[in-house]
N, C-alpha and C. Protein backbone atom coordinates (compact mmCIF):
# COMPACT_ATOMS: atom_id res chain seq x y z
N MET A 1 -5.28 -21.36 12.50
CA MET A 1 -5.89 -22.28 13.46
C MET A 1 -4.92 -22.62 14.60
N ASP A 2 -3.60 -22.48 14.34
CA ASP A 2 -2.61 -22.82 15.35
C ASP A 2 -2.73 -21.94 16.59
N ASN A 3 -3.22 -20.71 16.41
CA ASN A 3 -3.31 -19.77 17.52
C ASN A 3 -4.69 -19.73 18.17
N MET A 4 -5.56 -20.67 17.82
CA MET A 4 -6.93 -20.63 18.31
C MET A 4 -7.00 -20.63 19.84
N TYR A 5 -6.14 -21.41 20.49
CA TYR A 5 -6.20 -21.54 21.94
C TYR A 5 -5.06 -20.81 22.64
N LEU A 6 -4.44 -19.87 21.93
CA LEU A 6 -3.30 -19.15 22.49
C LEU A 6 -3.67 -18.41 23.77
N ARG A 7 -4.86 -17.83 23.80
CA ARG A 7 -5.24 -17.00 24.94
C ARG A 7 -5.71 -17.81 26.15
N GLN A 8 -5.82 -19.14 26.00
CA GLN A 8 -6.13 -19.95 27.18
C GLN A 8 -4.93 -20.81 27.60
N LYS A 9 -3.80 -20.61 26.91
CA LYS A 9 -2.61 -21.42 27.18
C LYS A 9 -2.15 -21.28 28.63
N ASN A 10 -2.16 -20.06 29.17
CA ASN A 10 -1.69 -19.85 30.53
C ASN A 10 -2.63 -20.42 31.58
N LEU A 11 -3.81 -20.85 31.16
CA LEU A 11 -4.76 -21.45 32.10
C LEU A 11 -4.49 -22.94 32.31
N ASP A 12 -3.52 -23.48 31.57
CA ASP A 12 -3.21 -24.91 31.71
C ASP A 12 -2.80 -25.27 33.12
N ILE A 13 -2.26 -24.29 33.86
CA ILE A 13 -1.85 -24.56 35.23
C ILE A 13 -3.05 -24.81 36.13
N LEU A 14 -4.22 -24.33 35.72
CA LEU A 14 -5.44 -24.46 36.51
C LEU A 14 -6.33 -25.60 36.05
N PHE A 15 -6.30 -25.89 34.74
CA PHE A 15 -7.29 -26.80 34.19
C PHE A 15 -6.67 -27.95 33.41
N ASN A 16 -7.34 -29.08 33.45
CA ASN A 16 -7.00 -30.23 32.61
C ASN A 16 -8.05 -30.33 31.51
N ILE A 17 -7.74 -29.88 30.31
CA ILE A 17 -8.68 -29.98 29.20
C ILE A 17 -8.66 -31.42 28.69
N PRO A 18 -9.78 -32.13 28.75
CA PRO A 18 -9.76 -33.53 28.32
C PRO A 18 -9.65 -33.66 26.80
N GLU A 19 -8.89 -34.64 26.36
CA GLU A 19 -8.82 -34.91 24.93
C GLU A 19 -10.12 -35.54 24.45
N MET A 20 -10.75 -36.35 25.32
CA MET A 20 -12.00 -37.02 24.98
C MET A 20 -12.95 -36.94 26.17
N ALA A 21 -14.24 -36.98 25.89
CA ALA A 21 -15.23 -36.94 26.97
C ALA A 21 -16.53 -37.57 26.47
N THR A 22 -17.36 -37.99 27.41
CA THR A 22 -18.66 -38.58 27.10
C THR A 22 -19.76 -37.73 27.72
N VAL A 23 -20.76 -37.38 26.92
CA VAL A 23 -21.91 -36.61 27.39
C VAL A 23 -23.16 -37.45 27.17
N VAL A 24 -23.88 -37.72 28.25
CA VAL A 24 -25.12 -38.49 28.15
C VAL A 24 -26.29 -37.53 28.29
N GLY A 25 -27.07 -37.40 27.24
CA GLY A 25 -28.17 -36.45 27.20
C GLY A 25 -27.72 -35.13 26.59
N THR A 26 -28.31 -34.77 25.46
CA THR A 26 -27.90 -33.53 24.78
C THR A 26 -29.09 -32.59 24.57
N GLY A 27 -29.86 -32.44 25.64
CA GLY A 27 -30.96 -31.48 25.62
C GLY A 27 -30.45 -30.10 26.03
N GLY A 28 -31.20 -29.42 26.90
CA GLY A 28 -30.83 -28.07 27.30
C GLY A 28 -29.43 -27.97 27.88
N VAL A 29 -29.13 -28.77 28.90
CA VAL A 29 -27.81 -28.73 29.53
C VAL A 29 -26.77 -29.46 28.70
N GLY A 30 -27.11 -30.65 28.21
CA GLY A 30 -26.14 -31.47 27.50
C GLY A 30 -25.63 -30.88 26.20
N SER A 31 -26.51 -30.17 25.48
CA SER A 31 -26.07 -29.56 24.23
C SER A 31 -25.03 -28.47 24.49
N TRP A 32 -25.29 -27.63 25.51
CA TRP A 32 -24.32 -26.60 25.88
C TRP A 32 -23.03 -27.24 26.42
N THR A 33 -23.15 -28.33 27.15
CA THR A 33 -21.98 -29.00 27.71
C THR A 33 -21.07 -29.50 26.59
N ALA A 34 -21.64 -30.18 25.61
CA ALA A 34 -20.85 -30.71 24.49
C ALA A 34 -20.20 -29.58 23.70
N ILE A 35 -20.95 -28.52 23.46
CA ILE A 35 -20.39 -27.38 22.71
C ILE A 35 -19.28 -26.70 23.50
N ASN A 36 -19.46 -26.54 24.81
CA ASN A 36 -18.41 -25.96 25.64
C ASN A 36 -17.14 -26.80 25.59
N LEU A 37 -17.29 -28.12 25.64
CA LEU A 37 -16.13 -29.01 25.57
C LEU A 37 -15.39 -28.82 24.24
N ALA A 38 -16.16 -28.71 23.17
CA ALA A 38 -15.53 -28.50 21.86
C ALA A 38 -14.83 -27.15 21.81
N LEU A 39 -15.44 -26.13 22.37
CA LEU A 39 -14.88 -24.79 22.33
C LEU A 39 -13.54 -24.68 23.07
N ILE A 40 -13.38 -25.44 24.15
CA ILE A 40 -12.14 -25.33 24.93
C ILE A 40 -11.06 -26.27 24.42
N GLY A 41 -11.37 -27.09 23.40
CA GLY A 41 -10.33 -27.89 22.78
C GLY A 41 -10.42 -29.38 22.93
N CYS A 42 -11.54 -29.90 23.45
CA CYS A 42 -11.72 -31.35 23.53
C CYS A 42 -11.74 -31.91 22.10
N GLU A 43 -10.94 -32.94 21.86
CA GLU A 43 -10.75 -33.42 20.49
C GLU A 43 -11.82 -34.40 20.03
N SER A 44 -12.46 -35.10 20.94
CA SER A 44 -13.49 -36.06 20.56
C SER A 44 -14.54 -36.14 21.66
N ILE A 45 -15.80 -36.08 21.28
CA ILE A 45 -16.90 -36.07 22.25
C ILE A 45 -17.94 -37.11 21.84
N LEU A 46 -18.16 -38.08 22.71
CA LEU A 46 -19.20 -39.07 22.49
C LEU A 46 -20.49 -38.57 23.11
N MET A 47 -21.55 -38.52 22.32
CA MET A 47 -22.85 -38.07 22.81
C MET A 47 -23.88 -39.19 22.67
N ILE A 48 -24.58 -39.45 23.76
CA ILE A 48 -25.59 -40.52 23.78
C ILE A 48 -26.96 -39.87 24.00
N GLU A 49 -27.84 -40.03 23.03
CA GLU A 49 -29.15 -39.36 23.06
C GLU A 49 -30.09 -40.04 22.09
N MET A 50 -31.34 -40.25 22.52
CA MET A 50 -32.29 -40.88 21.61
C MET A 50 -33.40 -39.93 21.16
N ASP A 51 -33.57 -38.80 21.86
CA ASP A 51 -34.70 -37.92 21.57
C ASP A 51 -34.43 -37.01 20.38
N ASN A 52 -35.51 -36.67 19.69
CA ASN A 52 -35.44 -35.71 18.59
C ASN A 52 -35.84 -34.31 19.06
N ILE A 53 -35.43 -33.32 18.31
CA ILE A 53 -35.69 -31.92 18.67
C ILE A 53 -37.15 -31.58 18.42
N GLU A 54 -37.78 -30.98 19.44
CA GLU A 54 -39.14 -30.48 19.32
C GLU A 54 -39.13 -28.96 19.54
N VAL A 55 -40.22 -28.32 19.17
CA VAL A 55 -40.27 -26.86 19.25
C VAL A 55 -39.96 -26.36 20.65
N HIS A 56 -40.46 -27.04 21.68
CA HIS A 56 -40.27 -26.55 23.04
C HIS A 56 -38.82 -26.66 23.50
N ASN A 57 -37.97 -27.36 22.76
CA ASN A 57 -36.55 -27.44 23.09
C ASN A 57 -35.78 -26.19 22.66
N MET A 58 -36.37 -25.40 21.78
CA MET A 58 -35.64 -24.31 21.14
C MET A 58 -35.36 -23.13 22.08
N ASN A 59 -36.11 -23.02 23.18
CA ASN A 59 -35.95 -21.85 24.05
C ASN A 59 -34.69 -21.91 24.91
N ARG A 60 -34.01 -23.05 24.95
CA ARG A 60 -32.88 -23.17 25.88
C ARG A 60 -31.65 -23.79 25.22
N SER A 61 -31.58 -23.74 23.91
CA SER A 61 -30.49 -24.42 23.23
C SER A 61 -30.08 -23.64 21.98
N LEU A 62 -29.01 -24.14 21.33
CA LEU A 62 -28.53 -23.54 20.08
C LEU A 62 -29.04 -24.28 18.86
N PHE A 63 -30.03 -25.12 19.03
CA PHE A 63 -30.56 -25.85 17.88
C PHE A 63 -31.12 -24.88 16.84
N ARG A 64 -30.80 -25.14 15.59
CA ARG A 64 -31.33 -24.31 14.50
C ARG A 64 -32.78 -24.69 14.21
N ILE A 65 -33.52 -23.76 13.69
CA ILE A 65 -34.91 -24.02 13.35
C ILE A 65 -35.02 -25.17 12.34
N ASP A 66 -34.07 -25.24 11.41
CA ASP A 66 -34.15 -26.29 10.40
C ASP A 66 -33.71 -27.66 10.92
N SER A 67 -33.36 -27.73 12.21
CA SER A 67 -33.00 -29.02 12.80
C SER A 67 -34.17 -29.68 13.54
N LEU A 68 -35.34 -29.05 13.51
CA LEU A 68 -36.52 -29.65 14.13
C LEU A 68 -36.76 -31.06 13.58
N GLY A 69 -36.99 -31.99 14.49
CA GLY A 69 -37.20 -33.38 14.10
C GLY A 69 -35.94 -34.20 14.04
N MET A 70 -34.79 -33.55 14.07
CA MET A 70 -33.50 -34.24 14.02
C MET A 70 -33.13 -34.75 15.42
N ASN A 71 -32.37 -35.83 15.48
CA ASN A 71 -31.85 -36.28 16.76
C ASN A 71 -31.02 -35.17 17.38
N LYS A 72 -31.19 -34.95 18.68
CA LYS A 72 -30.51 -33.83 19.34
C LYS A 72 -28.99 -33.93 19.24
N ALA A 73 -28.45 -35.11 19.45
CA ALA A 73 -27.00 -35.29 19.41
C ALA A 73 -26.46 -35.09 17.99
N VAL A 74 -27.21 -35.51 17.01
CA VAL A 74 -26.80 -35.31 15.61
C VAL A 74 -26.73 -33.82 15.31
N ALA A 75 -27.73 -33.07 15.80
CA ALA A 75 -27.74 -31.62 15.58
C ALA A 75 -26.57 -30.95 16.28
N VAL A 76 -26.27 -31.38 17.51
CA VAL A 76 -25.13 -30.81 18.23
C VAL A 76 -23.83 -31.15 17.51
N ALA A 77 -23.73 -32.36 17.00
CA ALA A 77 -22.53 -32.77 16.25
C ALA A 77 -22.31 -31.88 15.04
N GLU A 78 -23.39 -31.52 14.35
CA GLU A 78 -23.26 -30.64 13.19
C GLU A 78 -22.76 -29.26 13.61
N THR A 79 -23.27 -28.75 14.74
CA THR A 79 -22.82 -27.45 15.24
C THR A 79 -21.34 -27.51 15.60
N ILE A 80 -20.95 -28.57 16.29
CA ILE A 80 -19.55 -28.71 16.68
C ILE A 80 -18.64 -28.73 15.46
N LYS A 81 -19.02 -29.47 14.46
CA LYS A 81 -18.19 -29.58 13.26
C LYS A 81 -18.08 -28.24 12.52
N SER A 82 -19.10 -27.40 12.67
CA SER A 82 -19.07 -26.10 11.99
C SER A 82 -18.19 -25.09 12.71
N ILE A 83 -18.02 -25.25 14.04
CA ILE A 83 -17.23 -24.27 14.79
C ILE A 83 -15.86 -24.82 15.20
N ARG A 84 -15.72 -26.14 15.24
CA ARG A 84 -14.44 -26.77 15.58
C ARG A 84 -14.25 -27.98 14.66
N PRO A 85 -13.84 -27.73 13.40
CA PRO A 85 -13.75 -28.81 12.42
C PRO A 85 -12.76 -29.91 12.79
N LEU A 86 -11.82 -29.64 13.70
CA LEU A 86 -10.87 -30.66 14.10
C LEU A 86 -11.40 -31.54 15.24
N CYS A 87 -12.51 -31.14 15.83
CA CYS A 87 -13.13 -31.95 16.88
C CYS A 87 -13.96 -33.06 16.23
N ALA A 88 -13.88 -34.27 16.79
CA ALA A 88 -14.59 -35.42 16.21
C ALA A 88 -15.74 -35.84 17.12
N PRO A 89 -16.97 -35.35 16.85
CA PRO A 89 -18.12 -35.79 17.63
C PRO A 89 -18.58 -37.19 17.21
N ILE A 90 -18.97 -37.99 18.17
CA ILE A 90 -19.48 -39.34 17.92
C ILE A 90 -20.87 -39.41 18.53
N VAL A 91 -21.82 -39.97 17.79
CA VAL A 91 -23.21 -40.00 18.25
C VAL A 91 -23.71 -41.44 18.37
N ILE A 92 -24.34 -41.73 19.51
CA ILE A 92 -25.08 -42.98 19.68
C ILE A 92 -26.54 -42.58 19.89
N GLU A 93 -27.39 -42.91 18.94
CA GLU A 93 -28.81 -42.55 19.01
C GLU A 93 -29.54 -43.62 19.82
N SER A 94 -29.49 -43.48 21.12
CA SER A 94 -30.07 -44.48 22.01
C SER A 94 -30.23 -43.89 23.39
N ARG A 95 -31.11 -44.46 24.19
CA ARG A 95 -31.14 -44.16 25.60
C ARG A 95 -29.92 -44.80 26.25
N TRP A 96 -29.56 -44.31 27.41
CA TRP A 96 -28.47 -44.92 28.16
C TRP A 96 -28.87 -46.33 28.60
N GLU A 97 -28.00 -47.27 28.40
CA GLU A 97 -28.19 -48.64 28.88
C GLU A 97 -26.99 -49.02 29.74
N ASP A 98 -27.19 -50.02 30.62
CA ASP A 98 -26.14 -50.40 31.55
C ASP A 98 -24.87 -50.87 30.84
N ASN A 99 -25.00 -51.36 29.63
CA ASN A 99 -23.84 -51.89 28.91
C ASN A 99 -23.31 -50.91 27.87
N MET A 100 -23.59 -49.62 28.08
CA MET A 100 -23.13 -48.60 27.14
C MET A 100 -21.61 -48.49 27.17
N THR A 101 -21.06 -47.73 26.23
CA THR A 101 -19.63 -47.50 26.16
C THR A 101 -19.32 -46.05 26.50
N HIS A 102 -18.05 -45.69 26.48
CA HIS A 102 -17.64 -44.33 26.77
C HIS A 102 -16.31 -44.06 26.10
N ILE A 103 -15.92 -42.80 26.05
CA ILE A 103 -14.55 -42.41 25.67
C ILE A 103 -14.07 -41.39 26.70
N GLY A 104 -12.78 -41.33 26.91
CA GLY A 104 -12.23 -40.38 27.86
C GLY A 104 -12.35 -40.85 29.30
N GLU A 105 -12.00 -39.95 30.22
CA GLU A 105 -11.96 -40.28 31.64
C GLU A 105 -13.02 -39.56 32.45
N VAL A 106 -13.90 -38.81 31.77
CA VAL A 106 -14.97 -38.12 32.49
C VAL A 106 -16.27 -38.33 31.74
N ILE A 107 -17.36 -38.53 32.51
CA ILE A 107 -18.67 -38.71 31.91
C ILE A 107 -19.60 -37.64 32.48
N PHE A 108 -20.21 -36.88 31.58
CA PHE A 108 -21.11 -35.79 31.95
C PHE A 108 -22.54 -36.30 31.89
N ASP A 109 -23.20 -36.34 33.02
CA ASP A 109 -24.57 -36.84 33.11
C ASP A 109 -25.54 -35.68 33.01
N CYS A 110 -26.17 -35.54 31.84
CA CYS A 110 -27.13 -34.45 31.61
C CYS A 110 -28.53 -35.02 31.40
N THR A 111 -28.81 -36.14 32.04
CA THR A 111 -30.12 -36.78 31.93
C THR A 111 -31.05 -36.22 33.00
N ASP A 112 -32.35 -36.49 32.86
CA ASP A 112 -33.31 -35.95 33.81
C ASP A 112 -34.13 -37.03 34.50
N ASP A 113 -33.59 -38.23 34.56
CA ASP A 113 -34.29 -39.33 35.21
C ASP A 113 -33.34 -39.96 36.22
N ILE A 114 -33.74 -40.01 37.48
CA ILE A 114 -32.82 -40.42 38.53
C ILE A 114 -32.42 -41.89 38.41
N ARG A 115 -33.28 -42.72 37.84
CA ARG A 115 -32.90 -44.13 37.65
C ARG A 115 -31.79 -44.26 36.62
N THR A 116 -31.87 -43.45 35.57
CA THR A 116 -30.79 -43.42 34.58
C THR A 116 -29.51 -42.88 35.20
N GLN A 117 -29.64 -41.84 36.00
CA GLN A 117 -28.48 -41.24 36.65
C GLN A 117 -27.77 -42.24 37.55
N LYS A 118 -28.53 -43.04 38.28
CA LYS A 118 -27.92 -44.05 39.15
C LYS A 118 -27.16 -45.08 38.31
N SER A 119 -27.71 -45.43 37.17
CA SER A 119 -27.03 -46.39 36.29
C SER A 119 -25.73 -45.81 35.74
N ILE A 120 -25.76 -44.53 35.33
CA ILE A 120 -24.56 -43.88 34.80
C ILE A 120 -23.50 -43.76 35.88
N GLN A 121 -23.92 -43.37 37.07
CA GLN A 121 -22.97 -43.22 38.17
C GLN A 121 -22.31 -44.56 38.51
N ALA A 122 -23.10 -45.63 38.52
CA ALA A 122 -22.56 -46.96 38.79
C ALA A 122 -21.57 -47.38 37.71
N TYR A 123 -21.90 -47.05 36.46
CA TYR A 123 -21.00 -47.37 35.34
C TYR A 123 -19.70 -46.60 35.49
N ALA A 124 -19.79 -45.33 35.85
CA ALA A 124 -18.60 -44.50 36.03
C ALA A 124 -17.71 -45.07 37.13
N LYS A 125 -18.31 -45.47 38.22
CA LYS A 125 -17.54 -46.03 39.33
C LYS A 125 -16.86 -47.33 38.92
N GLU A 126 -17.59 -48.18 38.21
CA GLU A 126 -17.05 -49.46 37.78
C GLU A 126 -15.88 -49.28 36.82
N ASN A 127 -15.93 -48.23 36.00
CA ASN A 127 -14.89 -48.00 35.00
C ASN A 127 -13.89 -46.92 35.41
N ASP A 128 -13.92 -46.53 36.68
CA ASP A 128 -12.98 -45.55 37.23
C ASP A 128 -13.00 -44.24 36.45
N LEU A 129 -14.22 -43.73 36.18
CA LEU A 129 -14.40 -42.47 35.46
C LEU A 129 -14.81 -41.37 36.43
N LYS A 130 -14.46 -40.14 36.09
CA LYS A 130 -14.96 -39.00 36.84
C LYS A 130 -16.40 -38.78 36.43
N TYR A 131 -17.31 -38.68 37.40
CA TYR A 131 -18.74 -38.52 37.13
C TYR A 131 -19.17 -37.12 37.56
N ILE A 132 -19.79 -36.39 36.64
CA ILE A 132 -20.31 -35.05 36.93
C ILE A 132 -21.77 -35.00 36.47
N LYS A 133 -22.64 -34.56 37.36
CA LYS A 133 -24.07 -34.46 37.05
C LYS A 133 -24.52 -33.01 37.25
N ALA A 134 -25.41 -32.56 36.41
CA ALA A 134 -25.93 -31.20 36.56
C ALA A 134 -27.40 -31.17 36.17
N GLY A 135 -28.08 -30.19 36.71
CA GLY A 135 -29.48 -30.00 36.36
C GLY A 135 -29.94 -28.63 36.82
N TYR A 136 -31.15 -28.28 36.45
CA TYR A 136 -31.69 -26.99 36.89
C TYR A 136 -33.21 -27.02 36.87
N GLU A 137 -33.77 -26.08 37.62
CA GLU A 137 -35.22 -25.90 37.68
C GLU A 137 -35.46 -24.40 37.76
N GLY A 138 -35.91 -23.84 36.65
CA GLY A 138 -36.05 -22.38 36.60
C GLY A 138 -34.69 -21.73 36.67
N THR A 139 -34.43 -20.96 37.74
CA THR A 139 -33.12 -20.32 37.91
C THR A 139 -32.28 -21.02 38.97
N ARG A 140 -32.76 -22.10 39.50
CA ARG A 140 -32.01 -22.87 40.50
C ARG A 140 -31.19 -23.93 39.79
N ILE A 141 -29.91 -24.01 40.09
CA ILE A 141 -29.04 -24.96 39.41
C ILE A 141 -28.33 -25.87 40.42
N MET A 142 -27.82 -26.99 39.91
CA MET A 142 -27.11 -27.93 40.75
C MET A 142 -26.02 -28.62 39.93
N VAL A 143 -24.81 -28.69 40.48
CA VAL A 143 -23.70 -29.43 39.89
C VAL A 143 -23.10 -30.28 41.00
N THR A 144 -22.97 -31.58 40.76
CA THR A 144 -22.50 -32.47 41.81
C THR A 144 -21.86 -33.71 41.20
N ASP A 145 -21.22 -34.51 42.04
CA ASP A 145 -20.66 -35.77 41.55
C ASP A 145 -21.36 -36.97 42.17
N ILE A 146 -22.55 -36.73 42.71
CA ILE A 146 -23.37 -37.81 43.25
C ILE A 146 -24.79 -37.66 42.71
N VAL A 147 -25.53 -38.74 42.73
CA VAL A 147 -26.93 -38.69 42.28
C VAL A 147 -27.78 -38.20 43.43
N THR A 148 -28.42 -37.08 43.20
CA THR A 148 -29.33 -36.51 44.19
C THR A 148 -30.42 -35.79 43.43
N GLY A 149 -31.40 -35.30 44.11
CA GLY A 149 -32.48 -34.61 43.40
C GLY A 149 -33.23 -33.67 44.32
N TRP A 150 -34.22 -32.98 43.76
CA TRP A 150 -35.05 -32.10 44.55
C TRP A 150 -36.50 -32.38 44.21
N LYS A 151 -37.39 -31.95 45.11
CA LYS A 151 -38.80 -32.19 44.90
C LYS A 151 -39.41 -31.11 44.02
N VAL A 152 -40.31 -31.52 43.14
CA VAL A 152 -41.06 -30.60 42.30
C VAL A 152 -42.53 -30.97 42.43
N ASN A 153 -43.34 -30.01 42.87
CA ASN A 153 -44.76 -30.26 43.09
C ASN A 153 -44.97 -31.44 44.04
N GLY A 154 -44.08 -31.55 45.05
CA GLY A 154 -44.24 -32.58 46.06
C GLY A 154 -43.70 -33.94 45.68
N LEU A 155 -43.20 -34.10 44.45
CA LEU A 155 -42.68 -35.39 44.02
C LEU A 155 -41.19 -35.30 43.77
N ASP A 156 -40.44 -36.31 44.25
CA ASP A 156 -39.01 -36.29 43.98
C ASP A 156 -38.75 -36.81 42.57
N ASP A 157 -37.49 -36.75 42.14
CA ASP A 157 -37.13 -37.10 40.77
C ASP A 157 -37.55 -38.51 40.40
N GLU A 158 -37.34 -39.45 41.33
CA GLU A 158 -37.63 -40.84 41.00
C GLU A 158 -39.13 -41.07 40.82
N ALA A 159 -39.93 -40.36 41.62
CA ALA A 159 -41.39 -40.52 41.50
C ALA A 159 -41.92 -39.85 40.24
N ARG A 160 -41.27 -38.75 39.82
CA ARG A 160 -41.76 -38.01 38.66
C ARG A 160 -41.49 -38.75 37.36
N GLY A 161 -40.26 -39.28 37.21
CA GLY A 161 -39.92 -39.99 35.99
C GLY A 161 -40.01 -39.09 34.77
N TYR A 162 -40.33 -39.68 33.62
CA TYR A 162 -40.38 -38.93 32.37
C TYR A 162 -41.77 -38.43 32.02
N ASP A 163 -42.79 -38.91 32.69
CA ASP A 163 -44.15 -38.72 32.19
C ASP A 163 -44.92 -37.62 32.89
N THR A 164 -44.22 -36.69 33.54
CA THR A 164 -44.88 -35.61 34.23
C THR A 164 -44.50 -34.28 33.57
N PRO A 165 -45.26 -33.20 33.84
CA PRO A 165 -44.95 -31.91 33.21
C PRO A 165 -43.52 -31.47 33.51
N PRO A 166 -42.81 -30.91 32.53
CA PRO A 166 -41.42 -30.48 32.74
C PRO A 166 -41.34 -29.27 33.64
N VAL A 167 -40.17 -29.08 34.25
CA VAL A 167 -39.96 -27.92 35.10
C VAL A 167 -39.68 -26.70 34.22
N ASP A 168 -39.75 -25.51 34.86
CA ASP A 168 -39.46 -24.28 34.12
C ASP A 168 -38.01 -24.28 33.65
N SER A 169 -37.78 -23.76 32.45
CA SER A 169 -36.42 -23.75 31.92
C SER A 169 -36.25 -22.63 30.90
N PHE A 170 -35.02 -22.11 30.82
CA PHE A 170 -34.67 -21.19 29.74
C PHE A 170 -33.17 -21.21 29.52
N ALA A 171 -32.72 -20.55 28.45
CA ALA A 171 -31.35 -20.71 27.97
C ALA A 171 -30.31 -20.25 28.98
N LEU A 172 -30.59 -19.21 29.76
CA LEU A 172 -29.58 -18.70 30.68
C LEU A 172 -29.22 -19.73 31.74
N SER A 173 -30.22 -20.37 32.33
CA SER A 173 -29.94 -21.40 33.33
C SER A 173 -29.19 -22.57 32.69
N ALA A 174 -29.64 -23.00 31.52
CA ALA A 174 -29.04 -24.16 30.86
C ALA A 174 -27.57 -23.90 30.52
N SER A 175 -27.28 -22.73 29.97
CA SER A 175 -25.91 -22.44 29.55
C SER A 175 -24.99 -22.22 30.75
N ILE A 176 -25.50 -21.58 31.81
CA ILE A 176 -24.68 -21.34 33.00
C ILE A 176 -24.35 -22.65 33.70
N VAL A 177 -25.35 -23.50 33.90
CA VAL A 177 -25.08 -24.76 34.61
C VAL A 177 -24.16 -25.66 33.79
N ALA A 178 -24.28 -25.61 32.46
CA ALA A 178 -23.38 -26.40 31.61
C ALA A 178 -21.95 -25.91 31.73
N SER A 179 -21.76 -24.60 31.76
CA SER A 179 -20.42 -24.04 31.91
C SER A 179 -19.81 -24.43 33.26
N LEU A 180 -20.60 -24.34 34.32
CA LEU A 180 -20.12 -24.73 35.64
C LEU A 180 -19.81 -26.22 35.71
N MET A 181 -20.60 -27.01 35.00
CA MET A 181 -20.38 -28.45 34.97
C MET A 181 -19.03 -28.79 34.34
N VAL A 182 -18.74 -28.17 33.21
CA VAL A 182 -17.45 -28.40 32.54
C VAL A 182 -16.31 -27.87 33.40
N LEU A 183 -16.51 -26.70 33.99
CA LEU A 183 -15.48 -26.11 34.83
C LEU A 183 -15.16 -27.02 36.02
N ALA A 184 -16.19 -27.59 36.64
CA ALA A 184 -15.98 -28.48 37.78
C ALA A 184 -15.22 -29.73 37.37
N ALA A 185 -15.43 -30.17 36.14
CA ALA A 185 -14.78 -31.39 35.66
C ALA A 185 -13.31 -31.18 35.34
N ILE A 186 -12.96 -29.99 34.85
CA ILE A 186 -11.59 -29.77 34.38
C ILE A 186 -10.71 -29.04 35.38
N ASP A 187 -11.31 -28.42 36.40
CA ASP A 187 -10.53 -27.65 37.38
C ASP A 187 -9.66 -28.57 38.22
N LYS A 188 -8.37 -28.31 38.22
CA LYS A 188 -7.44 -29.17 38.95
C LYS A 188 -7.67 -29.11 40.46
N GLY A 189 -8.29 -28.05 40.95
CA GLY A 189 -8.50 -27.92 42.38
C GLY A 189 -9.83 -28.44 42.88
N THR A 190 -10.70 -28.87 41.97
CA THR A 190 -12.03 -29.35 42.36
C THR A 190 -12.06 -30.87 42.33
N LYS A 191 -12.21 -31.47 43.50
CA LYS A 191 -12.24 -32.93 43.59
C LYS A 191 -13.66 -33.46 43.65
N SER A 192 -14.53 -32.76 44.39
CA SER A 192 -15.89 -33.24 44.56
C SER A 192 -16.84 -32.04 44.54
N PRO A 193 -17.32 -31.65 43.35
CA PRO A 193 -18.19 -30.47 43.25
C PRO A 193 -19.51 -30.66 43.97
N ASP A 194 -19.99 -29.61 44.61
CA ASP A 194 -21.26 -29.67 45.32
C ASP A 194 -21.87 -28.28 45.31
N LEU A 195 -22.47 -27.93 44.16
CA LEU A 195 -23.09 -26.62 43.98
C LEU A 195 -24.60 -26.76 43.90
N SER A 196 -25.31 -25.90 44.61
CA SER A 196 -26.76 -25.85 44.49
C SER A 196 -27.20 -24.46 44.93
N PHE A 197 -27.61 -23.64 43.97
CA PHE A 197 -27.99 -22.28 44.31
C PHE A 197 -28.83 -21.67 43.19
N ASP A 198 -29.43 -20.54 43.47
CA ASP A 198 -30.20 -19.79 42.49
C ASP A 198 -29.25 -18.84 41.78
N ILE A 199 -29.21 -18.90 40.46
CA ILE A 199 -28.23 -18.09 39.72
C ILE A 199 -28.46 -16.59 39.91
N ARG A 200 -29.64 -16.18 40.35
CA ARG A 200 -29.89 -14.76 40.58
C ARG A 200 -29.04 -14.22 41.72
N THR A 201 -28.59 -15.11 42.63
CA THR A 201 -27.75 -14.65 43.75
C THR A 201 -26.41 -14.16 43.25
N LEU A 202 -25.99 -14.59 42.05
CA LEU A 202 -24.72 -14.11 41.49
C LEU A 202 -24.75 -12.61 41.25
N LEU A 203 -25.93 -12.08 41.01
CA LEU A 203 -26.06 -10.65 40.71
C LEU A 203 -25.75 -9.78 41.92
N ASN A 204 -25.83 -10.36 43.11
CA ASN A 204 -25.61 -9.61 44.35
C ASN A 204 -24.24 -9.85 44.96
N GLN A 205 -23.39 -10.60 44.24
CA GLN A 205 -22.05 -10.87 44.77
C GLN A 205 -21.15 -9.65 44.60
N ARG A 206 -20.32 -9.43 45.57
CA ARG A 206 -19.35 -8.33 45.53
C ARG A 206 -17.95 -8.89 45.70
N VAL A 207 -17.01 -8.37 44.96
CA VAL A 207 -15.62 -8.81 45.09
C VAL A 207 -15.00 -8.13 46.29
N VAL A 208 -14.45 -8.93 47.20
CA VAL A 208 -13.80 -8.40 48.39
C VAL A 208 -12.28 -8.47 48.17
N GLU A 209 -11.63 -7.33 48.23
CA GLU A 209 -10.17 -7.28 47.99
C GLU A 209 -9.41 -7.30 49.33
């Protein structure tokens, strides 16, 4: 186990791997975010989530079939403990509230309601935390440190709320945006991430030497 992170040791000059972090929302993006944090060596991850796993969640996450009906964060915690036994996941089975707590110096906002996002961002500012938000719609992804949104079927995020049909989603978008979210948070050269693009454009990129 001592050599688990040997091959990322030389990357320390580029990245600050957090010892602790807080992830709010552990659905498609949040579950991958928490697992990515555990994989790179984060020692403790606080996850805040009230929803249980439903069948339609399975297309974009690592949830096991036998975890249906389980709280999403509890299921992610079990996965983390199976792949990184030294990582200590902490679960709060609740929606985000203004008086919530946190661990670490960065808070990952993986929620899908702009009113909640505004509350998390305000909490992060009040507590001098790094705030990173991410989301996606189909193959379009966004990673930023401010609360913003896009229109879907003519309605913006705040108007849509929780009670409207969900946007298109699948595992590739969820896992890619989660990886970029963690990368933006730990990269020593990134102060204010502002990404918004269709992941299919990556297929047409060429390396210029």
